[in-house]
């Protein structure tokens, strides 16, 4: 997790449903944005 959301956001997945989730708690006005999911073939640089 990014430091800015650690402790507030939780990421999980359901492989059988090919679905990933983002649970967002204690939302702040600064969280306003367009949210995207993405797929990568590496774990080397997850924030890149």
ModelCIF file with pLDDT and N, C-alpha, C, O atoms, coordinates in Angstrom:
data_MODEL
#
_entry.id   MODEL 
#
_entity.id                         1 
_entity.type                       polymer 
_entity.pdbx_number_of_molecules   1 
#
_entity_poly.entity_id                      1 
_entity_poly.type                           'polypeptide(L)' 
_entity_poly.nstd_linkage                   no 
_entity_poly.nstd_monomer                   no 
_entity_poly.pdbx_seq_one_letter_code       
;(UNK)(UNK)(UNK)(UNK)(UNK)(UNK)(UNK)(UNK)(UNK)(UNK)(UNK)(UNK)(UNK)(UNK)(UNK)(UNK)
(UNK)(UNK)(UNK)(UNK)(UNK)(UNK)(UNK)(UNK)(UNK)(UNK)(UNK)(UNK)(UNK)(UNK)(UNK)(UNK)
(UNK)(UNK)(UNK)(UNK)(UNK)(UNK)(UNK)(UNK)(UNK)(UNK)(UNK)(UNK)(UNK)(UNK)(UNK)(UNK)
;
_entity_poly.pdbx_seq_one_letter_code_can   XXXXXXXXXXXXXXXXXXXXXXXXXXXXXXXXXXXXXXXXXXXXXXXX 
_entity_poly.pdbx_strand_id                 A 
#
loop_
_entity_poly_seq.entity_id 
_entity_poly_seq.num 
_entity_poly_seq.mon_id 
_entity_poly_seq.hetero 
1 1  UNK n 
1 2  UNK n 
1 3  UNK n 
1 4  UNK n 
1 5  UNK n 
1 6  UNK n 
1 7  UNK n 
1 8  UNK n 
1 9  UNK n 
1 10 UNK n 
1 11 UNK n 
1 12 UNK n 
1 13 UNK n 
1 14 UNK n 
1 15 UNK n 
1 16 UNK n 
1 17 UNK n 
1 18 UNK n 
1 19 UNK n 
1 20 UNK n 
1 21 UNK n 
1 22 UNK n 
1 23 UNK n 
1 24 UNK n 
1 25 UNK n 
1 26 UNK n 
1 27 UNK n 
1 28 UNK n 
1 29 UNK n 
1 30 UNK n 
1 31 UNK n 
1 32 UNK n 
1 33 UNK n 
1 34 UNK n 
1 35 UNK n 
1 36 UNK n 
1 37 UNK n 
1 38 UNK n 
1 39 UNK n 
1 40 UNK n 
1 41 UNK n 
1 42 UNK n 
1 43 UNK n 
1 44 UNK n 
1 45 UNK n 
1 46 UNK n 
1 47 UNK n 
1 48 UNK n 
#
_struct_asym.id          A 
_struct_asym.entity_id   1 
#
loop_
_ma_qa_metric.id 
_ma_qa_metric.mode 
_ma_qa_metric.name 
_ma_qa_metric.software_group_id 
_ma_qa_metric.type 
1 global pLDDT . pLDDT 
2 local  pLDDT . pLDDT 
#
_ma_qa_metric_global.metric_id      1 
_ma_qa_metric_global.metric_value   96.60 
_ma_qa_metric_global.model_id       1 
_ma_qa_metric_global.ordinal_id     1 
#
loop_
_ma_qa_metric_local.label_asym_id 
_ma_qa_metric_local.label_comp_id 
_ma_qa_metric_local.label_seq_id 
_ma_qa_metric_local.metric_id 
_ma_qa_metric_local.metric_value 
_ma_qa_metric_local.model_id 
_ma_qa_metric_local.ordinal_id 
A UNK 1  2 98.00 1 1  
A UNK 2  2 98.00 1 2  
A UNK 3  2 96.00 1 3  
A UNK 4  2 92.00 1 4  
A UNK 5  2 95.00 1 5  
A UNK 6  2 95.00 1 6  
A UNK 7  2 96.00 1 7  
A UNK 8  2 97.00 1 8  
A UNK 9  2 98.00 1 9  
A UNK 10 2 98.00 1 10 
A UNK 11 2 98.00 1 11 
A UNK 12 2 98.00 1 12 
A UNK 13 2 97.00 1 13 
A UNK 14 2 96.00 1 14 
A UNK 15 2 93.00 1 15 
A UNK 16 2 93.00 1 16 
A UNK 17 2 95.00 1 17 
A UNK 18 2 95.00 1 18 
A UNK 19 2 97.00 1 19 
A UNK 20 2 98.00 1 20 
A UNK 21 2 98.00 1 21 
A UNK 22 2 98.00 1 22 
A UNK 23 2 98.00 1 23 
A UNK 24 2 98.00 1 24 
A UNK 25 2 98.00 1 25 
A UNK 26 2 97.00 1 26 
A UNK 27 2 98.00 1 27 
A UNK 28 2 96.00 1 28 
A UNK 29 2 97.00 1 29 
A UNK 30 2 96.00 1 30 
A UNK 31 2 97.00 1 31 
A UNK 32 2 98.00 1 32 
A UNK 33 2 98.00 1 33 
A UNK 34 2 98.00 1 34 
A UNK 35 2 98.00 1 35 
A UNK 36 2 98.00 1 36 
A UNK 37 2 98.00 1 37 
A UNK 38 2 98.00 1 38 
A UNK 39 2 97.00 1 39 
A UNK 40 2 97.00 1 40 
A UNK 41 2 96.00 1 41 
A UNK 42 2 95.00 1 42 
A UNK 43 2 95.00 1 43 
A UNK 44 2 94.00 1 44 
A UNK 45 2 93.00 1 45 
A UNK 46 2 96.00 1 46 
A UNK 47 2 97.00 1 47 
A UNK 48 2 97.00 1 48 
#
loop_
_atom_site.group_PDB 
_atom_site.id 
_atom_site.type_symbol 
_atom_site.label_atom_id 
_atom_site.label_alt_id 
_atom_site.label_comp_id 
_atom_site.label_asym_id 
_atom_site.label_entity_id 
_atom_site.label_seq_id 
_atom_site.pdbx_PDB_ins_code 
_atom_site.Cartn_x 
_atom_site.Cartn_y 
_atom_site.Cartn_z 
_atom_site.occupancy 
_atom_site.B_iso_or_equiv 
_atom_site.pdbx_formal_charge 
_atom_site.auth_seq_id 
_atom_site.auth_comp_id 
_atom_site.auth_asym_id 
_atom_site.auth_atom_id 
_atom_site.pdbx_PDB_model_num 
ATOM 1   N N  . UNK A 1 1  ? 0.818   -1.200  0.000   1.00 98.00 ? 1  UNK A N  1 
ATOM 2   C CA . UNK A 1 1  ? 0.000   0.000   0.000   1.00 98.00 ? 1  UNK A CA 1 
ATOM 3   C C  . UNK A 1 1  ? 0.852   1.250   0.000   1.00 98.00 ? 1  UNK A C  1 
ATOM 4   O O  . UNK A 1 1  ? 1.960   1.265   0.536   1.00 98.00 ? 1  UNK A O  1 
ATOM 5   N N  . UNK A 1 2  ? 0.322   2.299   -0.609  1.00 98.00 ? 2  UNK A N  1 
ATOM 6   C CA . UNK A 1 2  ? 0.937   3.604   -0.476  1.00 98.00 ? 2  UNK A CA 1 
ATOM 7   C C  . UNK A 1 2  ? 0.772   4.095   0.957   1.00 98.00 ? 2  UNK A C  1 
ATOM 8   O O  . UNK A 1 2  ? -0.237  3.813   1.605   1.00 98.00 ? 2  UNK A O  1 
ATOM 9   N N  . UNK A 1 3  ? 1.764   4.828   1.448   1.00 96.00 ? 3  UNK A N  1 
ATOM 10  C CA . UNK A 1 3  ? 1.690   5.332   2.815   1.00 96.00 ? 3  UNK A CA 1 
ATOM 11  C C  . UNK A 1 3  ? 0.456   6.205   3.043   1.00 96.00 ? 3  UNK A C  1 
ATOM 12  O O  . UNK A 1 3  ? -0.084  6.249   4.148   1.00 96.00 ? 3  UNK A O  1 
ATOM 13  N N  . UNK A 1 4  ? 0.017   6.891   2.006   1.00 92.00 ? 4  UNK A N  1 
ATOM 14  C CA . UNK A 1 4  ? -1.095  7.814   2.140   1.00 92.00 ? 4  UNK A CA 1 
ATOM 15  C C  . UNK A 1 4  ? -2.422  7.124   2.439   1.00 92.00 ? 4  UNK A C  1 
ATOM 16  O O  . UNK A 1 4  ? -3.340  7.758   2.959   1.00 92.00 ? 4  UNK A O  1 
ATOM 17  N N  . UNK A 1 5  ? -2.537  5.831   2.119   1.00 95.00 ? 5  UNK A N  1 
ATOM 18  C CA . UNK A 1 5  ? -3.802  5.129   2.323   1.00 95.00 ? 5  UNK A CA 1 
ATOM 19  C C  . UNK A 1 5  ? -3.672  3.933   3.252   1.00 95.00 ? 5  UNK A C  1 
ATOM 20  O O  . UNK A 1 5  ? -4.675  3.295   3.574   1.00 95.00 ? 5  UNK A O  1 
ATOM 21  N N  . UNK A 1 6  ? -2.473  3.618   3.686   1.00 95.00 ? 6  UNK A N  1 
ATOM 22  C CA . UNK A 1 6  ? -2.261  2.477   4.575   1.00 95.00 ? 6  UNK A CA 1 
ATOM 23  C C  . UNK A 1 6  ? -3.052  2.670   5.866   1.00 95.00 ? 6  UNK A C  1 
ATOM 24  O O  . UNK A 1 6  ? -2.977  3.719   6.507   1.00 95.00 ? 6  UNK A O  1 
ATOM 25  N N  . UNK A 1 7  ? -3.806  1.644   6.232   1.00 96.00 ? 7  UNK A N  1 
ATOM 26  C CA . UNK A 1 7  ? -4.643  1.723   7.413   1.00 96.00 ? 7  UNK A CA 1 
ATOM 27  C C  . UNK A 1 7  ? -6.063  2.152   7.127   1.00 96.00 ? 7  UNK A C  1 
ATOM 28  O O  . UNK A 1 7  ? -6.942  1.963   7.967   1.00 96.00 ? 7  UNK A O  1 
ATOM 29  N N  . UNK A 1 8  ? -6.311  2.730   5.953   1.00 97.00 ? 8  UNK A N  1 
ATOM 30  C CA . UNK A 1 8  ? -7.662  3.139   5.559   1.00 97.00 ? 8  UNK A CA 1 
ATOM 31  C C  . UNK A 1 8  ? -8.206  2.300   4.407   1.00 97.00 ? 8  UNK A C  1 
ATOM 32  O O  . UNK A 1 8  ? -9.397  1.991   4.371   1.00 97.00 ? 8  UNK A O  1 
ATOM 33  N N  . UNK A 1 9  ? -7.338  1.932   3.468   1.00 98.00 ? 9  UNK A N  1 
ATOM 34  C CA . UNK A 1 9  ? -7.749  1.175   2.288   1.00 98.00 ? 9  UNK A CA 1 
ATOM 35  C C  . UNK A 1 9  ? -7.268  -0.263  2.409   1.00 98.00 ? 9  UNK A C  1 
ATOM 36  O O  . UNK A 1 9  ? -6.179  -0.517  2.924   1.00 98.00 ? 9  UNK A O  1 
ATOM 37  N N  . UNK A 1 10 ? -8.078  -1.202  1.935   1.00 98.00 ? 10 UNK A N  1 
ATOM 38  C CA . UNK A 1 10 ? -7.723  -2.611  1.937   1.00 98.00 ? 10 UNK A CA 1 
ATOM 39  C C  . UNK A 1 10 ? -7.995  -3.212  0.567   1.00 98.00 ? 10 UNK A C  1 
ATOM 40  O O  . UNK A 1 10 ? -9.097  -3.078  0.034   1.00 98.00 ? 10 UNK A O  1 
ATOM 41  N N  . UNK A 1 11 ? -6.996  -3.871  -0.003  1.00 98.00 ? 11 UNK A N  1 
ATOM 42  C CA . UNK A 1 11 ? -7.120  -4.517  -1.299  1.00 98.00 ? 11 UNK A CA 1 
ATOM 43  C C  . UNK A 1 11 ? -7.262  -6.028  -1.098  1.00 98.00 ? 11 UNK A C  1 
ATOM 44  O O  . UNK A 1 11 ? -6.547  -6.622  -0.291  1.00 98.00 ? 11 UNK A O  1 
ATOM 45  N N  . UNK A 1 12 ? -8.179  -6.637  -1.830  1.00 98.00 ? 12 UNK A N  1 
ATOM 46  C CA . UNK A 1 12 ? -8.373  -8.079  -1.767  1.00 98.00 ? 12 UNK A CA 1 
ATOM 47  C C  . UNK A 1 12 ? -8.770  -8.590  -3.146  1.00 98.00 ? 12 UNK A C  1 
ATOM 48  O O  . UNK A 1 12 ? -9.044  -7.803  -4.052  1.00 98.00 ? 12 UNK A O  1 
ATOM 49  N N  . UNK A 1 13 ? -8.799  -9.920  -3.302  1.00 97.00 ? 13 UNK A N  1 
ATOM 50  C CA . UNK A 1 13 ? -9.192  -10.473 -4.593  1.00 97.00 ? 13 UNK A CA 1 
ATOM 51  C C  . UNK A 1 13 ? -9.922  -11.792 -4.418  1.00 97.00 ? 13 UNK A C  1 
ATOM 52  O O  . UNK A 1 13 ? -9.758  -12.489 -3.417  1.00 97.00 ? 13 UNK A O  1 
ATOM 53  N N  . UNK A 1 14 ? -10.734 -12.117 -5.419  1.00 96.00 ? 14 UNK A N  1 
ATOM 54  C CA . UNK A 1 14 ? -11.446 -13.379 -5.503  1.00 96.00 ? 14 UNK A CA 1 
ATOM 55  C C  . UNK A 1 14 ? -11.054 -13.996 -6.835  1.00 96.00 ? 14 UNK A C  1 
ATOM 56  O O  . UNK A 1 14 ? -11.585 -13.618 -7.879  1.00 96.00 ? 14 UNK A O  1 
ATOM 57  N N  . UNK A 1 15 ? -10.123 -14.947 -6.802  1.00 93.00 ? 15 UNK A N  1 
ATOM 58  C CA . UNK A 1 15 ? -9.601  -15.520 -8.034  1.00 93.00 ? 15 UNK A CA 1 
ATOM 59  C C  . UNK A 1 15 ? -10.684 -16.241 -8.844  1.00 93.00 ? 15 UNK A C  1 
ATOM 60  O O  . UNK A 1 15 ? -10.673 -16.197 -10.074 1.00 93.00 ? 15 UNK A O  1 
ATOM 61  N N  . UNK A 1 16 ? -11.610 -16.897 -8.158  1.00 93.00 ? 16 UNK A N  1 
ATOM 62  C CA . UNK A 1 16 ? -12.668 -17.623 -8.849  1.00 93.00 ? 16 UNK A CA 1 
ATOM 63  C C  . UNK A 1 16 ? -13.554 -16.692 -9.658  1.00 93.00 ? 16 UNK A C  1 
ATOM 64  O O  . UNK A 1 16 ? -14.115 -17.097 -10.676 1.00 93.00 ? 16 UNK A O  1 
ATOM 65  N N  . UNK A 1 17 ? -13.683 -15.447 -9.216  1.00 95.00 ? 17 UNK A N  1 
ATOM 66  C CA . UNK A 1 17 ? -14.519 -14.469 -9.905  1.00 95.00 ? 17 UNK A CA 1 
ATOM 67  C C  . UNK A 1 17 ? -13.713 -13.508 -10.767 1.00 95.00 ? 17 UNK A C  1 
ATOM 68  O O  . UNK A 1 17 ? -14.283 -12.611 -11.387 1.00 95.00 ? 17 UNK A O  1 
ATOM 69  N N  . UNK A 1 18 ? -12.390 -13.683 -10.815 1.00 95.00 ? 18 UNK A N  1 
ATOM 70  C CA . UNK A 1 18 ? -11.511 -12.766 -11.550 1.00 95.00 ? 18 UNK A CA 1 
ATOM 71  C C  . UNK A 1 18 ? -11.792 -11.315 -11.165 1.00 95.00 ? 18 UNK A C  1 
ATOM 72  O O  . UNK A 1 18 ? -11.910 -10.441 -12.024 1.00 95.00 ? 18 UNK A O  1 
ATOM 73  N N  . UNK A 1 19 ? -11.897 -11.078 -9.861  1.00 97.00 ? 19 UNK A N  1 
ATOM 74  C CA . UNK A 1 19 ? -12.277 -9.766  -9.363  1.00 97.00 ? 19 UNK A CA 1 
ATOM 75  C C  . UNK A 1 19 ? -11.342 -9.320  -8.248  1.00 97.00 ? 19 UNK A C  1 
ATOM 76  O O  . UNK A 1 19 ? -10.978 -10.107 -7.374  1.00 97.00 ? 19 UNK A O  1 
ATOM 77  N N  . UNK A 1 20 ? -10.960 -8.057  -8.292  1.00 98.00 ? 20 UNK A N  1 
ATOM 78  C CA . UNK A 1 20 ? -10.164 -7.450  -7.235  1.00 98.00 ? 20 UNK A CA 1 
ATOM 79  C C  . UNK A 1 20 ? -10.985 -6.323  -6.614  1.00 98.00 ? 20 UNK A C  1 
ATOM 80  O O  . UNK A 1 20 ? -11.754 -5.657  -7.307  1.00 98.00 ? 20 UNK A O  1 
ATOM 81  N N  . UNK A 1 21 ? -10.822 -6.111  -5.306  1.00 98.00 ? 21 UNK A N  1 
ATOM 82  C CA . UNK A 1 21 ? -11.610 -5.133  -4.571  1.00 98.00 ? 21 UNK A CA 1 
ATOM 83  C C  . UNK A 1 21 ? -10.712 -4.106  -3.896  1.00 98.00 ? 21 UNK A C  1 
ATOM 84  O O  . UNK A 1 21 ? -9.550  -4.374  -3.592  1.00 98.00 ? 21 UNK A O  1 
ATOM 85  N N  . UNK A 1 22 ? -11.272 -2.938  -3.671  1.00 98.00 ? 22 UNK A N  1 
ATOM 86  C CA . UNK A 1 22 ? -10.620 -1.917  -2.873  1.00 98.00 ? 22 UNK A CA 1 
ATOM 87  C C  . UNK A 1 22 ? -11.645 -1.372  -1.889  1.00 98.00 ? 22 UNK A C  1 
ATOM 88  O O  . UNK A 1 22 ? -12.580 -0.670  -2.276  1.00 98.00 ? 22 UNK A O  1 
ATOM 89  N N  . UNK A 1 23 ? -11.461 -1.699  -0.614  1.00 98.00 ? 23 UNK A N  1 
ATOM 90  C CA . UNK A 1 23 ? -12.317 -1.189  0.448   1.00 98.00 ? 23 UNK A CA 1 
ATOM 91  C C  . UNK A 1 23 ? -11.697 0.100   0.974   1.00 98.00 ? 23 UNK A C  1 
ATOM 92  O O  . UNK A 1 23 ? -10.557 0.102   1.440   1.00 98.00 ? 23 UNK A O  1 
ATOM 93  N N  . UNK A 1 24 ? -12.442 1.186   0.898   1.00 98.00 ? 24 UNK A N  1 
ATOM 94  C CA . UNK A 1 24 ? -11.952 2.490   1.296   1.00 98.00 ? 24 UNK A CA 1 
ATOM 95  C C  . UNK A 1 24 ? -12.747 2.968   2.501   1.00 98.00 ? 24 UNK A C  1 
ATOM 96  O O  . UNK A 1 24 ? -13.968 3.110   2.432   1.00 98.00 ? 24 UNK A O  1 
ATOM 97  N N  . UNK A 1 25 ? -12.050 3.216   3.606   1.00 98.00 ? 25 UNK A N  1 
ATOM 98  C CA . UNK A 1 25 ? -12.683 3.645   4.845   1.00 98.00 ? 25 UNK A CA 1 
ATOM 99  C C  . UNK A 1 25 ? -12.233 5.044   5.227   1.00 98.00 ? 25 UNK A C  1 
ATOM 100 O O  . UNK A 1 25 ? -11.178 5.511   4.799   1.00 98.00 ? 25 UNK A O  1 
ATOM 101 N N  . UNK A 1 26 ? -13.050 5.707   6.040   1.00 97.00 ? 26 UNK A N  1 
ATOM 102 C CA . UNK A 1 26 ? -12.739 7.050   6.522   1.00 97.00 ? 26 UNK A CA 1 
ATOM 103 C C  . UNK A 1 26 ? -12.311 7.957   5.375   1.00 97.00 ? 26 UNK A C  1 
ATOM 104 O O  . UNK A 1 26 ? -11.240 8.562   5.415   1.00 97.00 ? 26 UNK A O  1 
ATOM 105 N N  . UNK A 1 27 ? -13.144 8.042   4.369   1.00 98.00 ? 27 UNK A N  1 
ATOM 106 C CA . UNK A 1 27 ? -12.813 8.820   3.183   1.00 98.00 ? 27 UNK A CA 1 
ATOM 107 C C  . UNK A 1 27 ? -12.696 10.303  3.492   1.00 98.00 ? 27 UNK A C  1 
ATOM 108 O O  . UNK A 1 27 ? -13.427 10.839  4.325   1.00 98.00 ? 27 UNK A O  1 
ATOM 109 N N  . UNK A 1 28 ? -11.769 10.954  2.809   1.00 96.00 ? 28 UNK A N  1 
ATOM 110 C CA . UNK A 1 28 ? -11.510 12.373  2.966   1.00 96.00 ? 28 UNK A CA 1 
ATOM 111 C C  . UNK A 1 28 ? -11.760 13.080  1.644   1.00 96.00 ? 28 UNK A C  1 
ATOM 112 O O  . UNK A 1 28 ? -11.780 12.442  0.592   1.00 96.00 ? 28 UNK A O  1 
ATOM 113 N N  . UNK A 1 29 ? -11.950 14.389  1.691   1.00 97.00 ? 29 UNK A N  1 
ATOM 114 C CA . UNK A 1 29 ? -12.196 15.134  0.462   1.00 97.00 ? 29 UNK A CA 1 
ATOM 115 C C  . UNK A 1 29 ? -11.027 14.999  -0.514  1.00 97.00 ? 29 UNK A C  1 
ATOM 116 O O  . UNK A 1 29 ? -11.228 15.045  -1.728  1.00 97.00 ? 29 UNK A O  1 
ATOM 117 N N  . UNK A 1 30 ? -9.816  14.835  0.000   1.00 96.00 ? 30 UNK A N  1 
ATOM 118 C CA . UNK A 1 30 ? -8.646  14.667  -0.858  1.00 96.00 ? 30 UNK A CA 1 
ATOM 119 C C  . UNK A 1 30 ? -8.636  13.327  -1.597  1.00 96.00 ? 30 UNK A C  1 
ATOM 120 O O  . UNK A 1 30 ? -7.821  13.125  -2.497  1.00 96.00 ? 30 UNK A O  1 
ATOM 121 N N  . UNK A 1 31 ? -9.529  12.416  -1.226  1.00 97.00 ? 31 UNK A N  1 
ATOM 122 C CA . UNK A 1 31 ? -9.642  11.145  -1.933  1.00 97.00 ? 31 UNK A CA 1 
ATOM 123 C C  . UNK A 1 31 ? -10.444 11.275  -3.224  1.00 97.00 ? 31 UNK A C  1 
ATOM 124 O O  . UNK A 1 31 ? -10.526 10.315  -3.990  1.00 97.00 ? 31 UNK A O  1 
ATOM 125 N N  . UNK A 1 32 ? -11.030 12.423  -3.480  1.00 98.00 ? 32 UNK A N  1 
ATOM 126 C CA . UNK A 1 32 ? -11.805 12.639  -4.696  1.00 98.00 ? 32 UNK A CA 1 
ATOM 127 C C  . UNK A 1 32 ? -10.914 12.479  -5.922  1.00 98.00 ? 32 UNK A C  1 
ATOM 128 O O  . UNK A 1 32 ? -9.905  13.172  -6.056  1.00 98.00 ? 32 UNK A O  1 
ATOM 129 N N  . UNK A 1 33 ? -11.287 11.568  -6.815  1.00 98.00 ? 33 UNK A N  1 
ATOM 130 C CA . UNK A 1 33 ? -10.486 11.269  -7.997  1.00 98.00 ? 33 UNK A CA 1 
ATOM 131 C C  . UNK A 1 33 ? -11.205 10.218  -8.830  1.00 98.00 ? 33 UNK A C  1 
ATOM 132 O O  . UNK A 1 33 ? -12.220 9.658   -8.414  1.00 98.00 ? 33 UNK A O  1 
ATOM 133 N N  . UNK A 1 34 ? -10.659 9.962   -10.012 1.00 98.00 ? 34 UNK A N  1 
ATOM 134 C CA . UNK A 1 34 ? -11.062 8.812   -10.794 1.00 98.00 ? 34 UNK A CA 1 
ATOM 135 C C  . UNK A 1 34 ? -10.170 7.646   -10.389 1.00 98.00 ? 34 UNK A C  1 
ATOM 136 O O  . UNK A 1 34 ? -8.945  7.771   -10.389 1.00 98.00 ? 34 UNK A O  1 
ATOM 137 N N  . UNK A 1 35 ? -10.774 6.521   -10.046 1.00 98.00 ? 35 UNK A N  1 
ATOM 138 C CA . UNK A 1 35 ? -10.044 5.355   -9.567  1.00 98.00 ? 35 UNK A CA 1 
ATOM 139 C C  . UNK A 1 35 ? -9.952  4.299   -10.657 1.00 98.00 ? 35 UNK A C  1 
ATOM 140 O O  . UNK A 1 35 ? -10.946 3.983   -11.311 1.00 98.00 ? 35 UNK A O  1 
ATOM 141 N N  . UNK A 1 36 ? -8.757  3.755   -10.849 1.00 98.00 ? 36 UNK A N  1 
ATOM 142 C CA . UNK A 1 36 ? -8.486  2.790   -11.904 1.00 98.00 ? 36 UNK A CA 1 
ATOM 143 C C  . UNK A 1 36 ? -7.912  1.499   -11.322 1.00 98.00 ? 36 UNK A C  1 
ATOM 144 O O  . UNK A 1 36 ? -7.161  1.530   -10.346 1.00 98.00 ? 36 UNK A O  1 
ATOM 145 N N  . UNK A 1 37 ? -8.266  0.380   -11.921 1.00 98.00 ? 37 UNK A N  1 
ATOM 146 C CA . UNK A 1 37 ? -7.553  -0.858  -11.659 1.00 98.00 ? 37 UNK A CA 1 
ATOM 147 C C  . UNK A 1 37 ? -6.718  -1.214  -12.882 1.00 98.00 ? 37 UNK A C  1 
ATOM 148 O O  . UNK A 1 37 ? -7.010  -0.772  -13.992 1.00 98.00 ? 37 UNK A O  1 
ATOM 149 N N  . UNK A 1 38 ? -5.682  -2.014  -12.672 1.00 98.00 ? 38 UNK A N  1 
ATOM 150 C CA . UNK A 1 38 ? -4.762  -2.355  -13.747 1.00 98.00 ? 38 UNK A CA 1 
ATOM 151 C C  . UNK A 1 38 ? -4.130  -3.712  -13.485 1.00 98.00 ? 38 UNK A C  1 
ATOM 152 O O  . UNK A 1 38 ? -4.056  -4.167  -12.344 1.00 98.00 ? 38 UNK A O  1 
ATOM 153 N N  . UNK A 1 39 ? -3.671  -4.357  -14.561 1.00 97.00 ? 39 UNK A N  1 
ATOM 154 C CA . UNK A 1 39 ? -3.050  -5.677  -14.485 1.00 97.00 ? 39 UNK A CA 1 
ATOM 155 C C  . UNK A 1 39 ? -1.605  -5.612  -14.955 1.00 97.00 ? 39 UNK A C  1 
ATOM 156 O O  . UNK A 1 39 ? -1.293  -4.979  -15.963 1.00 97.00 ? 39 UNK A O  1 
ATOM 157 N N  . UNK A 1 40 ? -0.727  -6.280  -14.208 1.00 97.00 ? 40 UNK A N  1 
ATOM 158 C CA . UNK A 1 40 ? 0.698   -6.321  -14.509 1.00 97.00 ? 40 UNK A CA 1 
ATOM 159 C C  . UNK A 1 40 ? 1.196   -7.759  -14.504 1.00 97.00 ? 40 UNK A C  1 
ATOM 160 O O  . UNK A 1 40 ? 0.632   -8.614  -13.821 1.00 97.00 ? 40 UNK A O  1 
ATOM 161 N N  . UNK A 1 41 ? 2.253   -8.022  -15.266 1.00 96.00 ? 41 UNK A N  1 
ATOM 162 C CA . UNK A 1 41 ? 2.859   -9.352  -15.287 1.00 96.00 ? 41 UNK A CA 1 
ATOM 163 C C  . UNK A 1 41 ? 4.116   -9.432  -14.430 1.00 96.00 ? 41 UNK A C  1 
ATOM 164 O O  . UNK A 1 41 ? 4.909   -10.363 -14.572 1.00 96.00 ? 41 UNK A O  1 
ATOM 165 N N  . UNK A 1 42 ? 4.299   -8.453  -13.535 1.00 95.00 ? 42 UNK A N  1 
ATOM 166 C CA . UNK A 1 42 ? 5.441   -8.470  -12.636 1.00 95.00 ? 42 UNK A CA 1 
ATOM 167 C C  . UNK A 1 42 ? 5.044   -7.935  -11.265 1.00 95.00 ? 42 UNK A C  1 
ATOM 168 O O  . UNK A 1 42 ? 4.106   -7.147  -11.148 1.00 95.00 ? 42 UNK A O  1 
ATOM 169 N N  . UNK A 1 43 ? 5.756   -8.364  -10.238 1.00 95.00 ? 43 UNK A N  1 
ATOM 170 C CA . UNK A 1 43 ? 5.598   -7.865  -8.884  1.00 95.00 ? 43 UNK A CA 1 
ATOM 171 C C  . UNK A 1 43 ? 6.807   -7.026  -8.481  1.00 95.00 ? 43 UNK A C  1 
ATOM 172 O O  . UNK A 1 43 ? 6.904   -6.573  -7.340  1.00 95.00 ? 43 UNK A O  1 
ATOM 173 N N  . UNK A 1 44 ? 7.724   -6.823  -9.420  1.00 94.00 ? 44 UNK A N  1 
ATOM 174 C CA . UNK A 1 44 ? 8.973   -6.137  -9.117  1.00 94.00 ? 44 UNK A CA 1 
ATOM 175 C C  . UNK A 1 44 ? 8.757   -4.689  -8.715  1.00 94.00 ? 44 UNK A C  1 
ATOM 176 O O  . UNK A 1 44 ? 9.420   -4.191  -7.805  1.00 94.00 ? 44 UNK A O  1 
ATOM 177 N N  . UNK A 1 45 ? 7.832   -4.007  -9.388  1.00 93.00 ? 45 UNK A N  1 
ATOM 178 C CA . UNK A 1 45 ? 7.590   -2.592  -9.124  1.00 93.00 ? 45 UNK A CA 1 
ATOM 179 C C  . UNK A 1 45 ? 6.089   -2.313  -9.103  1.00 93.00 ? 45 UNK A C  1 
ATOM 180 O O  . UNK A 1 45 ? 5.559   -1.723  -10.045 1.00 93.00 ? 45 UNK A O  1 
ATOM 181 N N  . UNK A 1 46 ? 5.401   -2.728  -8.045  1.00 96.00 ? 46 UNK A N  1 
ATOM 182 C CA . UNK A 1 46 ? 3.941   -2.596  -8.032  1.00 96.00 ? 46 UNK A CA 1 
ATOM 183 C C  . UNK A 1 46 ? 3.429   -1.170  -8.051  1.00 96.00 ? 46 UNK A C  1 
ATOM 184 O O  . UNK A 1 46 ? 2.285   -0.944  -8.445  1.00 96.00 ? 46 UNK A O  1 
ATOM 185 N N  . UNK A 1 47 ? 4.239   -0.190  -7.638  1.00 97.00 ? 47 UNK A N  1 
ATOM 186 C CA . UNK A 1 47 ? 3.804   1.199   -7.624  1.00 97.00 ? 47 UNK A CA 1 
ATOM 187 C C  . UNK A 1 47 ? 4.134   1.947   -8.908  1.00 97.00 ? 47 UNK A C  1 
ATOM 188 O O  . UNK A 1 47 ? 3.832   3.135   -9.018  1.00 97.00 ? 47 UNK A O  1 
ATOM 189 N N  . UNK A 1 48 ? 4.736   1.288   -9.867  1.00 97.00 ? 48 UNK A N  1 
ATOM 190 C CA . UNK A 1 48 ? 5.199   1.899   -11.114 1.00 97.00 ? 48 UNK A CA 1 
ATOM 191 C C  . UNK A 1 48 ? 4.143   1.705   -12.190 1.00 97.00 ? 48 UNK A C  1 
ATOM 192 O O  . UNK A 1 48 ? 4.329   2.145   -13.324 1.00 97.00 ? 48 UNK A O  1 
#
